Amino acid sequence: MIWDGASIHRSEVVKTFLKERPGRIHLERLPAYSPELNPVELVWSQLKRSLKNQVFSSLKGLAVAVLEQVRLLEQDPKLVKAFFRKKEIGFITG
């Protein structure tokens, strides 16, 4: 599992989850703030751009909009693959 330094990854829930599965999960930690090593940062950036300048009156409305954008990404595998091929991303793909 590759993970960044987000505080959620250091939570007690995650620590407990990992302790209950010794040797079953290999962790590869990314250096602090290294979006160039994590293609998912480009996905988040795409989602944020697609939702900017919109106002949501409820958390549910925001969730619906985010899921709709995720569905659009799922329907465009070429775009998702492009996130991995950007020269800024130090990700090895076959």
Protein backbone atom coordinates (compact mmCIF):
# COMPACT_ATOMS: atom_id res chain seq x y z
CA MET A 1 0.00 0.00 0.00
CA ILE A 2 1.36 3.39 -0.96
CA TRP A 3 0.37 6.23 1.29
CA ASP A 4 1.23 9.83 1.85
CA GLY A 5 1.75 11.60 5.14
CA ALA A 6 -1.88 12.55 5.71
CA SER A 7 -2.78 12.57 9.40
CA ILE A 8 -5.66 10.15 8.80
CA HIS A 9 -3.08 7.50 7.90
CA ARG A 10 -1.57 7.82 11.36
CA SER A 11 -4.88 7.49 13.18
CA GLU A 12 -5.47 4.87 15.85
CA VAL A 13 -7.99 3.13 13.57
CA VAL A 14 -5.34 2.66 10.90
CA LYS A 15 -2.70 1.59 13.43
CA THR A 16 -5.08 -1.00 14.87
CA PHE A 17 -6.02 -2.24 11.39
CA LEU A 18 -2.36 -2.77 10.53
CA LYS A 19 -1.50 -4.40 13.87
CA GLU A 20 -4.31 -6.92 13.33
CA ARG A 21 -2.70 -7.93 10.01
CA PRO A 22 1.01 -8.36 10.73
CA GLY A 23 3.06 -9.06 7.63
CA ARG A 24 0.03 -8.96 5.34
CA ILE A 25 0.31 -5.34 4.23
CA HIS A 26 3.50 -3.75 2.99
CA LEU A 27 3.55 0.02 3.42
CA GLU A 28 5.46 2.32 1.13
CA ARG A 29 5.36 5.81 2.55
CA LEU A 30 5.74 8.80 0.27
CA PRO A 31 7.91 11.71 1.36
CA ALA A 32 6.13 14.68 2.90
CA TYR A 33 4.21 16.69 0.32
CA SER A 34 5.17 14.82 -2.83
CA PRO A 35 2.23 15.12 -5.23
CA GLU A 36 4.59 14.34 -8.11
CA LEU A 37 4.82 10.77 -6.79
CA ASN A 38 1.10 10.28 -6.38
CA PRO A 39 -1.09 10.28 -9.52
CA VAL A 40 -4.24 10.40 -7.40
CA GLU A 41 -3.35 14.02 -6.62
CA LEU A 42 -4.10 14.76 -10.28
CA VAL A 43 -7.47 13.05 -9.90
CA TRP A 44 -8.29 15.24 -6.88
CA SER A 45 -7.16 18.31 -8.83
CA GLN A 46 -9.44 17.35 -11.73
CA LEU A 47 -12.37 16.86 -9.37
CA LYS A 48 -11.75 20.20 -7.66
CA ARG A 49 -11.59 21.99 -11.02
CA SER A 50 -14.85 20.40 -12.13
CA LEU A 51 -16.61 21.47 -8.90
CA LYS A 52 -15.19 24.97 -8.50
CA ASN A 53 -17.51 27.95 -8.37
CA GLN A 54 -20.42 25.77 -7.33
CA VAL A 55 -22.34 26.24 -4.12
CA PHE A 56 -23.82 23.26 -2.31
CA SER A 57 -26.54 23.79 0.25
CA SER A 58 -25.92 20.43 1.88
CA LEU A 59 -23.25 17.81 2.36
CA LYS A 60 -25.47 15.38 0.48
CA GLY A 61 -25.56 17.71 -2.52
CA LEU A 62 -21.77 17.93 -2.50
CA ALA A 63 -21.47 14.15 -2.21
CA VAL A 64 -23.81 13.65 -5.17
CA ALA A 65 -21.77 16.09 -7.28
CA VAL A 66 -18.46 14.45 -6.35
CA LEU A 67 -19.78 10.98 -7.14
CA GLU A 68 -21.08 12.19 -10.49
CA GLN A 69 -17.63 13.53 -11.36
CA VAL A 70 -16.06 10.22 -10.27
CA ARG A 71 -18.49 8.37 -12.55
CA LEU A 72 -17.47 10.62 -15.44
CA LEU A 73 -13.82 9.78 -14.76
CA GLU A 74 -14.66 6.08 -14.67
CA GLN A 75 -16.17 6.46 -18.13
CA ASP A 76 -13.00 8.08 -19.48
CA PRO A 77 -10.13 5.62 -18.98
CA LYS A 78 -7.92 7.60 -21.38
CA LEU A 79 -8.09 10.59 -19.05
CA VAL A 80 -7.27 8.46 -16.01
CA LYS A 81 -4.31 6.88 -17.82
CA ALA A 82 -3.12 10.37 -18.74
CA PHE A 83 -2.74 11.16 -15.03
CA PHE A 84 -0.12 8.40 -14.82
CA ARG A 85 1.68 9.50 -17.98
CA LYS A 86 2.20 13.14 -17.08
CA LYS A 87 5.88 14.04 -17.05
CA GLU A 88 5.47 15.54 -13.56
CA ILE A 89 4.50 12.16 -12.15
CA GLY A 90 7.36 9.91 -11.15
CA PHE A 91 5.26 6.77 -11.46
CA ILE A 92 6.41 3.68 -13.29
CA THR A 93 3.80 1.99 -15.46
CA GLY A 94 4.15 -0.96 -17.77
